[in-house]
C-alpha atoms as a PDB file:
ATOM      1  CA  UNK A   1     -38.608  96.439 -47.184  1.00  0.00           C
ATOM      2  CA  UNK A   2     -36.559  99.916 -47.796  1.00  0.00           C
ATOM      3  CA  UNK A   3     -32.365  98.770 -46.872  1.00  0.00           C
ATOM      4  CA  UNK A   4     -32.536 101.865 -44.772  1.00  0.00           C
ATOM      5  CA  UNK A   5     -35.663 100.911 -42.376  1.00  0.00           C
ATOM      6  CA  UNK A   6     -34.201  97.798 -41.638  1.00  0.00           C
ATOM      7  CA  UNK A   7     -32.741  97.159 -37.950  1.00  0.00           C
ATOM      8  CA  UNK A   8     -29.664  95.964 -37.110  1.00  0.00           C
ATOM      9  CA  UNK A   9     -28.910  92.939 -35.241  1.00  0.00           C
ATOM     10  CA  UNK A  10     -25.372  92.597 -33.555  1.00  0.00           C
ATOM     11  CA  UNK A  11     -24.001  89.101 -33.531  1.00  0.00           C
ATOM     12  CA  UNK A  12     -21.697  87.765 -30.759  1.00  0.00           C
ATOM     13  CA  UNK A  13     -20.869  84.156 -30.041  1.00  0.00           C
ATOM     14  CA  UNK A  14     -24.376  83.235 -32.102  1.00  0.00           C
ATOM     15  CA  UNK A  15     -26.277  85.523 -29.798  1.00  0.00           C
ATOM     16  CA  UNK A  16     -28.447  88.274 -31.310  1.00  0.00           C
ATOM     17  CA  UNK A  17     -28.594  92.060 -29.445  1.00  0.00           C
ATOM     18  CA  UNK A  18     -30.370  94.955 -30.431  1.00  0.00           C
ATOM     19  CA  UNK A  19     -28.479  97.838 -28.928  1.00  0.00           C
ATOM     20  CA  UNK A  20     -30.388 100.968 -30.488  1.00  0.00           C
ATOM     21  CA  UNK A  21     -33.303 102.248 -28.395  1.00  0.00           C
ATOM     22  CA  UNK A  22     -35.404 103.495 -31.290  1.00  0.00           C
ATOM     23  CA  UNK A  23     -35.239 100.029 -32.678  1.00  0.00           C
ATOM     24  CA  UNK A  24     -36.326  98.730 -29.672  1.00  0.00           C
ATOM     25  CA  UNK A  25     -39.359 100.570 -29.467  1.00  0.00           C
ATOM     26  CA  UNK A  26     -39.949  99.460 -33.374  1.00  0.00           C
ATOM     27  CA  UNK A  27     -39.515  95.956 -32.175  1.00  0.00           C
ATOM     28  CA  UNK A  28     -42.226  95.948 -30.029  1.00  0.00           C
ATOM     29  CA  UNK A  29     -44.819  98.343 -31.288  1.00  0.00           C
ATOM     30  CA  UNK A  30     -44.402  97.412 -35.119  1.00  0.00           C
ATOM     31  CA  UNK A  31     -43.602  93.654 -35.293  1.00  0.00           C
ATOM     32  CA  UNK A  32     -44.499  92.189 -32.027  1.00  0.00           C
ATOM     33  CA  UNK A  33     -41.265  91.268 -30.873  1.00  0.00           C
ATOM     34  CA  UNK A  34     -40.252  91.719 -27.298  1.00  0.00           C
ATOM     35  CA  UNK A  35     -36.821  90.101 -26.364  1.00  0.00           C
ATOM     36  CA  UNK A  36     -35.458  90.732 -23.105  1.00  0.00           C
ATOM     37  CA  UNK A  37     -33.298  93.173 -21.685  1.00  0.00           C
ATOM     38  CA  UNK A  38     -30.283  92.387 -20.051  1.00  0.00           C
ATOM     39  CA  UNK A  39     -28.429  95.152 -19.375  1.00  0.00           C
ATOM     40  CA  UNK A  40     -28.011  97.802 -16.104  1.00  0.00           C
ATOM     41  CA  UNK A  41     -29.319 101.107 -15.691  1.00  0.00           C
ATOM     42  CA  UNK A  42     -26.611 103.402 -14.519  1.00  0.00           C
ATOM     43  CA  UNK A  43     -27.639 105.318 -10.707  1.00  0.00           C
ATOM     44  CA  UNK A  44     -30.544 102.636 -10.095  1.00  0.00           C
ATOM     45  CA  UNK A  45     -29.779 100.820  -7.139  1.00  0.00           C
ATOM     46  CA  UNK A  46     -31.588  97.806  -7.641  1.00  0.00           C
ATOM     47  CA  UNK A  47     -30.461  96.096 -11.076  1.00  0.00           C
ATOM     48  CA  UNK A  48     -32.575  93.222 -10.835  1.00  0.00           C
ATOM     49  CA  UNK A  49     -36.126  94.794 -11.467  1.00  0.00           C
ATOM     50  CA  UNK A  50     -35.952  97.416 -14.504  1.00  0.00           C
ATOM     51  CA  UNK A  51     -33.041  96.720 -16.864  1.00  0.00           C
ATOM     52  CA  UNK A  52     -31.494  98.232 -19.966  1.00  0.00           C
ATOM     53  CA  UNK A  53     -30.086  97.431 -23.507  1.00  0.00           C
ATOM     54  CA  UNK A  54     -29.035  95.520 -24.842  1.00  0.00           C
ATOM     55  CA  UNK A  55     -31.903  93.734 -26.045  1.00  0.00           C
ATOM     56  CA  UNK A  56     -31.052  89.678 -26.134  1.00  0.00           C
ATOM     57  CA  UNK A  57     -33.403  88.493 -29.217  1.00  0.00           C
ATOM     58  CA  UNK A  58     -34.230  84.464 -28.664  1.00  0.00           C
ATOM     59  CA  UNK A  59     -33.132  82.846 -31.899  1.00  0.00           C
ATOM     60  CA  UNK A  60     -36.235  82.371 -33.486  1.00  0.00           C
ATOM     61  CA  UNK A  61     -37.132  86.441 -33.152  1.00  0.00           C
ATOM     62  CA  UNK A  62     -33.987  86.821 -35.101  1.00  0.00           C
ATOM     63  CA  UNK A  63     -34.370  84.071 -37.652  1.00  0.00           C
ATOM     64  CA  UNK A  64     -38.435  85.560 -38.221  1.00  0.00           C
ATOM     65  CA  UNK A  65     -37.085  89.387 -38.259  1.00  0.00           C
ATOM     66  CA  UNK A  66     -34.253  88.604 -40.845  1.00  0.00           C
ATOM     67  CA  UNK A  67     -36.428  86.364 -43.232  1.00  0.00           C
ATOM     68  CA  UNK A  68     -39.159  89.010 -43.124  1.00  0.00           C
ATOM     69  CA  UNK A  69     -36.253  91.489 -44.180  1.00  0.00           C
ATOM     70  CA  UNK A  70     -37.359  93.966 -41.140  1.00  0.00           C
ATOM     71  CA  UNK A  71     -34.040  93.496 -39.649  1.00  0.00           C
ATOM     72  CA  UNK A  72     -29.958  92.391 -40.711  1.00  0.00           C
ATOM     73  CA  UNK A  73     -27.406  90.790 -38.818  1.00  0.00           C
ATOM     74  CA  UNK A  74     -24.298  92.451 -38.193  1.00  0.00           C
ATOM     75  CA  UNK A  75     -20.906  90.370 -37.302  1.00  0.00           C
ATOM     76  CA  UNK A  76     -19.910  93.277 -34.591  1.00  0.00           C
ATOM     77  CA  UNK A  77     -16.514  91.300 -33.979  1.00  0.00           C
ATOM     78  CA  UNK A  78     -15.346  92.063 -37.647  1.00  0.00           C
ATOM     79  CA  UNK A  79     -17.197  95.757 -37.561  1.00  0.00           C
ATOM     80  CA  UNK A  80     -14.493  97.192 -35.600  1.00  0.00           C
ATOM     81  CA  UNK A  81     -11.232  97.464 -37.483  1.00  0.00           C
ATOM     82  CA  UNK A  82      -8.173  97.914 -35.837  1.00  0.00           C
ATOM     83  CA  UNK A  83      -7.976 102.067 -35.229  1.00  0.00           C
ATOM     84  CA  UNK A  84      -5.021 104.431 -36.121  1.00  0.00           C
ATOM     85  CA  UNK A  85      -3.064 106.426 -33.390  1.00  0.00           C
ATOM     86  CA  UNK A  86      -4.592 109.468 -34.869  1.00  0.00           C
ATOM     87  CA  UNK A  87      -7.904 108.201 -34.421  1.00  0.00           C
ATOM     88  CA  UNK A  88      -7.231 106.796 -30.691  1.00  0.00           C
ATOM     89  CA  UNK A  89      -5.971 110.387 -29.966  1.00  0.00           C
ATOM     90  CA  UNK A  90      -9.124 112.105 -31.692  1.00  0.00           C
ATOM     91  CA  UNK A  91     -10.986 109.940 -29.048  1.00  0.00           C
ATOM     92  CA  UNK A  92      -9.372 110.666 -26.243  1.00  0.00           C
ATOM     93  CA  UNK A  93      -9.584 114.600 -27.068  1.00  0.00           C
ATOM     94  CA  UNK A  94     -13.195 114.307 -27.487  1.00  0.00           C
ATOM     95  CA  UNK A  95     -13.892 112.177 -24.245  1.00  0.00           C
ATOM     96  CA  UNK A  96     -11.668 114.622 -22.455  1.00  0.00           C
ATOM     97  CA  UNK A  97     -13.899 117.696 -23.775  1.00  0.00           C
ATOM     98  CA  UNK A  98     -17.063 115.735 -22.971  1.00  0.00           C
ATOM     99  CA  UNK A  99     -15.718 115.252 -19.260  1.00  0.00           C
ATOM    100  CA  UNK A 100     -14.712 119.293 -18.982  1.00  0.00           C
ATOM    101  CA  UNK A 101     -18.077 120.427 -20.485  1.00  0.00           C
ATOM    102  CA  UNK A 102     -19.939 118.167 -17.919  1.00  0.00           C
ATOM    103  CA  UNK A 103     -17.782 119.098 -15.149  1.00  0.00           C
ATOM    104  CA  UNK A 104     -18.429 122.731 -16.291  1.00  0.00           C
ATOM    105  CA  UNK A 105     -22.245 122.157 -16.260  1.00  0.00           C
ATOM    106  CA  UNK A 106     -22.563 120.501 -13.018  1.00  0.00           C
ATOM    107  CA  UNK A 107     -20.420 122.929 -11.342  1.00  0.00           C
ATOM    108  CA  UNK A 108     -23.410 125.955 -12.743  1.00  0.00           C
ATOM    109  CA  UNK A 109     -25.996 123.818 -11.174  1.00  0.00           C
ATOM    110  CA  UNK A 110     -24.180 123.827  -7.730  1.00  0.00           C
ATOM    111  CA  UNK A 111     -23.643 127.307  -7.373  1.00  0.00           C
ATOM    112  CA  UNK A 112     -27.276 127.971  -8.977  1.00  0.00           C
ATOM    113  CA  UNK A 113     -28.906 126.233  -6.264  1.00  0.00           C
ATOM    114  CA  UNK A 114     -26.477 127.655  -3.840  1.00  0.00           C
ATOM    115  CA  UNK A 115     -26.896 131.228  -4.712  1.00  0.00           C
ATOM    116  CA  UNK A 116     -30.934 130.219  -4.490  1.00  0.00           C
ATOM    117  CA  UNK A 117     -30.549 128.960  -0.895  1.00  0.00           C
ATOM    118  CA  UNK A 118     -28.598 131.919   0.191  1.00  0.00           C
ATOM    119  CA  UNK A 119     -31.272 134.335  -0.915  1.00  0.00           C
ATOM    120  CA  UNK A 120     -32.811 134.756   2.390  1.00  0.00           C
ATOM    121  CA  UNK A 121     -34.455 137.445   4.032  1.00  0.00           C
ATOM    122  CA  UNK A 122     -32.478 140.288   6.233  1.00  0.00           C
ATOM    123  CA  UNK A 123     -34.181 139.153   8.971  1.00  0.00           C
ATOM    124  CA  UNK A 124     -33.679 136.042   8.676  1.00  0.00           C
ATOM    125  CA  UNK A 125     -29.437 136.817   7.898  1.00  0.00           C
ATOM    126  CA  UNK A 126     -29.401 138.925  10.963  1.00  0.00           C
ATOM    127  CA  UNK A 127     -30.761 136.013  13.463  1.00  0.00           C
ATOM    128  CA  UNK A 128     -28.370 133.368  11.954  1.00  0.00           C
ATOM    129  CA  UNK A 129     -25.656 136.079  12.605  1.00  0.00           C
ATOM    130  CA  UNK A 130     -26.384 136.116  16.109  1.00  0.00           C
ATOM    131  CA  UNK A 131     -26.925 132.680  16.636  1.00  0.00           C
ATOM    132  CA  UNK A 132     -22.903 132.119  14.992  1.00  0.00           C
ATOM    133  CA  UNK A 133     -21.731 135.009  17.436  1.00  0.00           C
ATOM    134  CA  UNK A 134     -23.391 133.441  20.624  1.00  0.00           C
ATOM    135  CA  UNK A 135     -21.406 130.211  19.520  1.00  0.00           C
ATOM    136  CA  UNK A 136     -18.537 131.208  18.651  1.00  0.00           C
ATOM    137  CA  UNK A 137     -17.974 132.910  22.165  1.00  0.00           C
ATOM    138  CA  UNK A 138     -18.912 129.836  23.962  1.00  0.00           C
ATOM    139  CA  UNK A 139     -16.720 127.470  21.933  1.00  0.00           C
ATOM    140  CA  UNK A 140     -13.047 127.682  20.560  1.00  0.00           C
ATOM    141  CA  UNK A 141     -13.191 126.977  16.982  1.00  0.00           C
ATOM    142  CA  UNK A 142     -10.428 124.001  16.204  1.00  0.00           C
ATOM    143  CA  UNK A 143      -8.769 123.870  12.776  1.00  0.00           C
ATOM    144  CA  UNK A 144     -10.795 122.569  10.293  1.00  0.00           C
ATOM    145  CA  UNK A 145      -9.990 120.118   7.438  1.00  0.00           C
ATOM    146  CA  UNK A 146     -10.404 121.501   3.859  1.00  0.00           C
ATOM    147  CA  UNK A 147     -13.677 120.444   2.741  1.00  0.00           C
ATOM    148  CA  UNK A 148     -13.441 117.769   0.068  1.00  0.00           C
ATOM    149  CA  UNK A 149     -13.483 118.195  -3.764  1.00  0.00           C
ATOM    150  CA  UNK A 150     -17.118 117.995  -4.883  1.00  0.00           C
ATOM    151  CA  UNK A 151     -18.364 114.770  -6.362  1.00  0.00           C
ATOM    152  CA  UNK A 152     -19.634 114.393  -9.880  1.00  0.00           C
ATOM    153  CA  UNK A 153     -21.416 111.708 -11.610  1.00  0.00           C
ATOM    154  CA  UNK A 154     -19.421 111.960 -15.556  1.00  0.00           C
ATOM    155  CA  UNK A 155     -21.183 109.929 -18.536  1.00  0.00           C
ATOM    156  CA  UNK A 156     -18.421 108.755 -20.779  1.00  0.00           C
ATOM    157  CA  UNK A 157     -20.175 108.238 -24.281  1.00  0.00           C
ATOM    158  CA  UNK A 158     -19.338 104.579 -25.497  1.00  0.00           C
ATOM    159  CA  UNK A 159     -21.774 103.700 -28.801  1.00  0.00           C
ATOM    160  CA  UNK A 160     -19.839 101.559 -31.496  1.00  0.00           C
ATOM    161  CA  UNK A 161     -21.590 104.439 -33.851  1.00  0.00           C
ATOM    162  CA  UNK A 162     -19.628 107.124 -32.765  1.00  0.00           C
ATOM    163  CA  UNK A 163     -16.412 105.393 -33.236  1.00  0.00           C
ATOM    164  CA  UNK A 164     -14.697 106.561 -37.050  1.00  0.00           C
ATOM    165  CA  UNK A 165     -13.123 102.802 -37.125  1.00  0.00           C
ATOM    166  CA  UNK A 166     -16.614 100.969 -36.808  1.00  0.00           C
ATOM    167  CA  UNK A 167     -17.857 100.043 -39.764  1.00  0.00           C
ATOM    168  CA  UNK A 168     -20.842  97.603 -39.652  1.00  0.00           C
ATOM    169  CA  UNK A 169     -21.777  97.893 -43.527  1.00  0.00           C
ATOM    170  CA  UNK A 170     -18.525  95.712 -44.047  1.00  0.00           C
ATOM    171  CA  UNK A 171     -19.860  93.239 -42.426  1.00  0.00           C
ATOM    172  CA  UNK A 172     -23.351  93.171 -42.750  1.00  0.00           C
ATOM    173  CA  UNK A 173     -25.670  89.848 -43.971  1.00  0.00           C
ATOM    174  CA  UNK A 174     -29.293  90.366 -45.150  1.00  0.00           C
ATOM    175  CA  UNK A 175     -30.150  86.691 -45.694  1.00  0.00           C
ATOM    176  CA  UNK A 176     -29.985  83.747 -43.091  1.00  0.00           C
ATOM    177  CA  UNK A 177     -28.146  82.087 -46.212  1.00  0.00           C
ATOM    178  CA  UNK A 178     -25.157  84.820 -45.900  1.00  0.00           C
ATOM    179  CA  UNK A 179     -24.723  84.508 -42.288  1.00  0.00           C
ATOM    180  CA  UNK A 180     -25.055  80.678 -42.112  1.00  0.00           C
ATOM    181  CA  UNK A 181     -22.033  80.879 -44.790  1.00  0.00           C
ATOM    182  CA  UNK A 182     -20.030  83.169 -43.203  1.00  0.00           C
ATOM    183  CA  UNK A 183     -20.342  81.056 -40.038  1.00  0.00           C
ATOM    184  CA  UNK A 184     -21.972  83.884 -38.170  1.00  0.00           C
ATOM    185  CA  UNK A 185     -25.145  82.108 -37.035  1.00  0.00           C
ATOM    186  CA  UNK A 186     -26.289  78.620 -37.436  1.00  0.00           C
ATOM    187  CA  UNK A 187     -29.971  78.459 -35.969  1.00  0.00           C
ATOM    188  CA  UNK A 188     -32.152  76.521 -36.523  1.00  0.00           C
ATOM    189  CA  UNK A 189     -29.484  73.493 -37.521  1.00  0.00           C
ATOM    190  CA  UNK A 190     -31.941  70.267 -36.076  1.00  0.00           C
ATOM    191  CA  UNK A 191     -35.642  69.415 -36.599  1.00  0.00           C
ATOM    192  CA  UNK A 192     -36.078  70.645 -32.716  1.00  0.00           C
ATOM    193  CA  UNK A 193     -35.033  74.137 -33.752  1.00  0.00           C
ATOM    194  CA  UNK A 194     -36.994  74.223 -37.146  1.00  0.00           C
ATOM    195  CA  UNK A 195     -39.848  73.244 -34.989  1.00  0.00           C
ATOM    196  CA  UNK A 196     -39.346  76.105 -32.795  1.00  0.00           C
ATOM    197  CA  UNK A 197     -38.919  78.411 -35.365  1.00  0.00           C
ATOM    198  CA  UNK A 198     -41.844  77.160 -37.441  1.00  0.00           C
ATOM    199  CA  UNK A 199     -44.346  77.528 -34.460  1.00  0.00           C
ATOM    200  CA  UNK A 200     -42.993  80.784 -33.456  1.00  0.00           C
ATOM    201  CA  UNK A 201     -43.630  82.157 -36.892  1.00  0.00           C
ATOM    202  CA  UNK A 202     -47.376  80.555 -36.929  1.00  0.00           C
ATOM    203  CA  UNK A 203     -48.005  82.140 -33.457  1.00  0.00           C
ATOM    204  CA  UNK A 204     -46.824  85.497 -34.537  1.00  0.00           C
ATOM    205  CA  UNK A 205     -48.445  85.529 -37.831  1.00  0.00           C
ATOM    206  CA  UNK A 206     -51.580  85.361 -36.048  1.00  0.00           C
ATOM    207  CA  UNK A 207     -50.891  88.040 -33.927  1.00  0.00           C
ATOM    208  CA  UNK A 208     -49.705  87.014 -30.536  1.00  0.00           C
ATOM    209  CA  UNK A 209     -46.756  88.150 -28.539  1.00  0.00           C
ATOM    210  CA  UNK A 210     -44.475  85.325 -27.630  1.00  0.00           C
ATOM    211  CA  UNK A 211     -41.825  85.459 -24.340  1.00  0.00           C
ATOM    212  CA  UNK A 212     -39.867  82.816 -22.738  1.00  0.00           C
ATOM    213  CA  UNK A 213     -42.134  80.239 -21.032  1.00  0.00           C
ATOM    214  CA  UNK A 214     -39.226  78.489 -18.618  1.00  0.00           C
ATOM    215  CA  UNK A 215     -40.582  79.780 -15.664  1.00  0.00           C
ATOM    216  CA  UNK A 216     -43.946  78.222 -16.590  1.00  0.00           C
ATOM    217  CA  UNK A 217     -43.017  74.739 -17.874  1.00  0.00           C
ATOM    218  CA  UNK A 218     -43.111  75.730 -21.591  1.00  0.00           C
ATOM    219  CA  UNK A 219     -41.185  77.053 -24.403  1.00  0.00           C
ATOM    220  CA  UNK A 220     -42.985  80.010 -24.778  1.00  0.00           C
ATOM    221  CA  UNK A 221     -45.483  82.406 -23.175  1.00  0.00           C
ATOM    222  CA  UNK A 222     -48.181  83.345 -25.434  1.00  0.00           C
ATOM    223  CA  UNK A 223     -49.613  86.679 -24.806  1.00  0.00           C
ATOM    224  CA  UNK A 224     -52.979  88.150 -26.859  1.00  0.00           C
ATOM    225  CA  UNK A 225     -51.302  91.403 -27.030  1.00  0.00           C
ATOM    226  CA  UNK A 226     -48.263  93.561 -25.420  1.00  0.00           C
ATOM    227  CA  UNK A 227     -47.122  91.667 -22.577  1.00  0.00           C
ATOM    228  CA  UNK A 228     -47.207  94.986 -20.553  1.00  0.00           C
ATOM    229  CA  UNK A 229     -50.672  95.493 -21.118  1.00  0.00           C
ATOM    230  CA  UNK A 230     -52.034  91.639 -21.147  1.00  0.00           C
ATOM    231  CA  UNK A 231     -51.386  88.446 -18.825  1.00  0.00           C
ATOM    232  CA  UNK A 232     -50.544  85.661 -20.912  1.00  0.00           C
ATOM    233  CA  UNK A 233     -53.125  83.098 -21.921  1.00  0.00           C
ATOM    234  CA  UNK A 234     -51.101  80.205 -22.717  1.00  0.00           C
ATOM    235  CA  UNK A 235     -48.224  78.230 -21.924  1.00  0.00           C
ATOM    236  CA  UNK A 236     -46.817  76.639 -24.841  1.00  0.00           C
ATOM    237  CA  UNK A 237     -44.615  73.404 -25.437  1.00  0.00           C
ATOM    238  CA  UNK A 238     -43.120  72.388 -28.998  1.00  0.00           C
ATOM    239  CA  UNK A 239     -43.541  68.988 -29.877  1.00  0.00           C
ATOM    240  CA  UNK A 240     -40.779  68.567 -32.965  1.00  0.00           C
ATOM    241  CA  UNK A 241     -43.080  66.361 -35.042  1.00  0.00           C
ATOM    242  CA  UNK A 242     -46.321  64.140 -35.179  1.00  0.00           C
ATOM    243  CA  UNK A 243     -44.234  60.903 -34.426  1.00  0.00           C
ATOM    244  CA  UNK A 244     -42.946  62.130 -31.035  1.00  0.00           C
ATOM    245  CA  UNK A 245     -44.609  60.253 -28.105  1.00  0.00           C
ATOM    246  CA  UNK A 246     -45.857  62.157 -25.178  1.00  0.00           C
ATOM    247  CA  UNK A 247     -45.966  60.637 -21.928  1.00  0.00           C
ATOM    248  CA  UNK A 248     -49.342  60.727 -20.281  1.00  0.00           C
ATOM    249  CA  UNK A 249     -47.768  62.186 -16.623  1.00  0.00           C
ATOM    250  CA  UNK A 250     -46.443  64.798 -18.332  1.00  0.00           C
ATOM    251  CA  UNK A 251     -49.653  65.496 -20.006  1.00  0.00           C
ATOM    252  CA  UNK A 252     -51.161  65.383 -16.431  1.00  0.00           C
ATOM    253  CA  UNK A 253     -48.574  67.718 -15.273  1.00  0.00           C
ATOM    254  CA  UNK A 254     -48.800  70.644 -18.042  1.00  0.00           C
ATOM    255  CA  UNK A 255     -52.537  70.803 -17.401  1.00  0.00           C
ATOM    256  CA  UNK A 256     -52.103  71.256 -13.736  1.00  0.00           C
ATOM    257  CA  UNK A 257     -49.410  73.365 -13.851  1.00  0.00           C
ATOM    258  CA  UNK A 258     -51.294  75.527 -16.412  1.00  0.00           C
ATOM    259  CA  UNK A 259     -54.541  75.275 -13.817  1.00  0.00           C
ATOM    260  CA  UNK A 260     -52.018  76.311 -11.079  1.00  0.00           C
ATOM    261  CA  UNK A 261     -51.037  79.263 -13.040  1.00  0.00           C
ATOM    262  CA  UNK A 262     -53.870  80.352 -14.493  1.00  0.00           C
ATOM    263  CA  UNK A 263     -53.017  79.517 -18.251  1.00  0.00           C
ATOM    264  CA  UNK A 264     -53.972  76.842 -20.407  1.00  0.00           C
ATOM    265  CA  UNK A 265     -51.083  75.006 -21.846  1.00  0.00           C
ATOM    266  CA  UNK A 266     -50.848  74.478 -25.708  1.00  0.00           C
ATOM    267  CA  UNK A 267     -49.108  71.793 -27.058  1.00  0.00           C
ATOM    268  CA  UNK A 268     -47.565  72.940 -30.515  1.00  0.00           C
ATOM    269  CA  UNK A 269     -46.547  69.977 -32.621  1.00  0.00           C
ATOM    270  CA  UNK A 270     -44.908  70.524 -35.988  1.00  0.00           C
ATOM    271  CA  UNK A 271     -44.979  68.705 -39.414  1.00  0.00           C
ATOM    272  CA  UNK A 272     -41.648  69.552 -41.358  1.00  0.00           C
ATOM    273  CA  UNK A 273     -42.747  67.987 -44.341  1.00  0.00           C
ATOM    274  CA  UNK A 274     -45.523  70.209 -44.447  1.00  0.00           C
ATOM    275  CA  UNK A 275     -44.278  72.854 -42.982  1.00  0.00           C
ATOM    276  CA  UNK A 276     -47.658  73.311 -40.756  1.00  0.00           C
ATOM    277  CA  UNK A 277     -48.111  73.652 -36.938  1.00  0.00           C
ATOM    278  CA  UNK A 278     -51.108  72.122 -35.324  1.00  0.00           C
ATOM    279  CA  UNK A 279     -52.433  73.039 -31.733  1.00  0.00           C
ATOM    280  CA  UNK A 280     -53.782  71.354 -28.900  1.00  0.00           C
ATOM    281  CA  UNK A 281     -54.616  73.163 -25.478  1.00  0.00           C
ATOM    282  CA  UNK A 282     -55.019  71.363 -22.028  1.00  0.00           C
ATOM    283  CA  UNK A 283     -57.138  72.628 -19.111  1.00  0.00           C
ATOM    284  CA  UNK A 284     -57.851  70.704 -15.647  1.00  0.00           C
ATOM    285  CA  UNK A 285     -61.254  70.075 -15.944  1.00  0.00           C
ATOM    286  CA  UNK A 286     -61.681  68.467 -12.633  1.00  0.00           C
ATOM    287  CA  UNK A 287     -63.518  65.191 -11.725  1.00  0.00           C
ATOM    288  CA  UNK A 288     -66.063  63.987  -9.093  1.00  0.00           C
END
């Protein structure tokens, strides 16, 4: 894959983030990777329904993207170099200029709205003058405090890509091996994590979308298409090896819970030696 088309995954404290909106759209539409939006949206009264950037990727998603050469890791902490005094002064000037421009546009918009609201007919103006005159004759006006200055919402851009001292190419890692050697990324580091990565890849290669399944008692929710259009068909739980015992009560619990949520529960077993996945679905059939 061409280097220019790869998506930047910004890593901080072993967490993978995507900050670019176009990259987030590409991940979902082209690579079947959804992630979880965790950022707040300005001017939205409720911050628990619709969220914004950054997009947080599950470790399995990040590993798959880098191994398939769809993305690369960026060590965000190292990518921000120490700015010089001149660079900081330029940033302050640019921000002040941007704020003044936004204030000017807001004032022009308010002036336009006020002029349109004052465009009244002569008859309406005459009637309003008569009402004001009668009111003035009855009431002695009291001195009024000066009106407060208008308030405007100012947006100050804070993208790292606009900073002259931000150099992601100096802290870029195109492979899992390079990221692990640099101490940036350690997942997967044990059998359980390798099993999760293997199962995730196996389901992804079959065309499924995956999301977090913790609300439904599993590791993943498995969707036949985009979660915005489809309900999940399976709740998947990872069994790290063929020798891992499963208690009968656990199987019953998975079956009952899956039926209650209108899903089949999928037990996903990983053979680390053969690098193969096997699946067993559980549904509550009912007896008697």
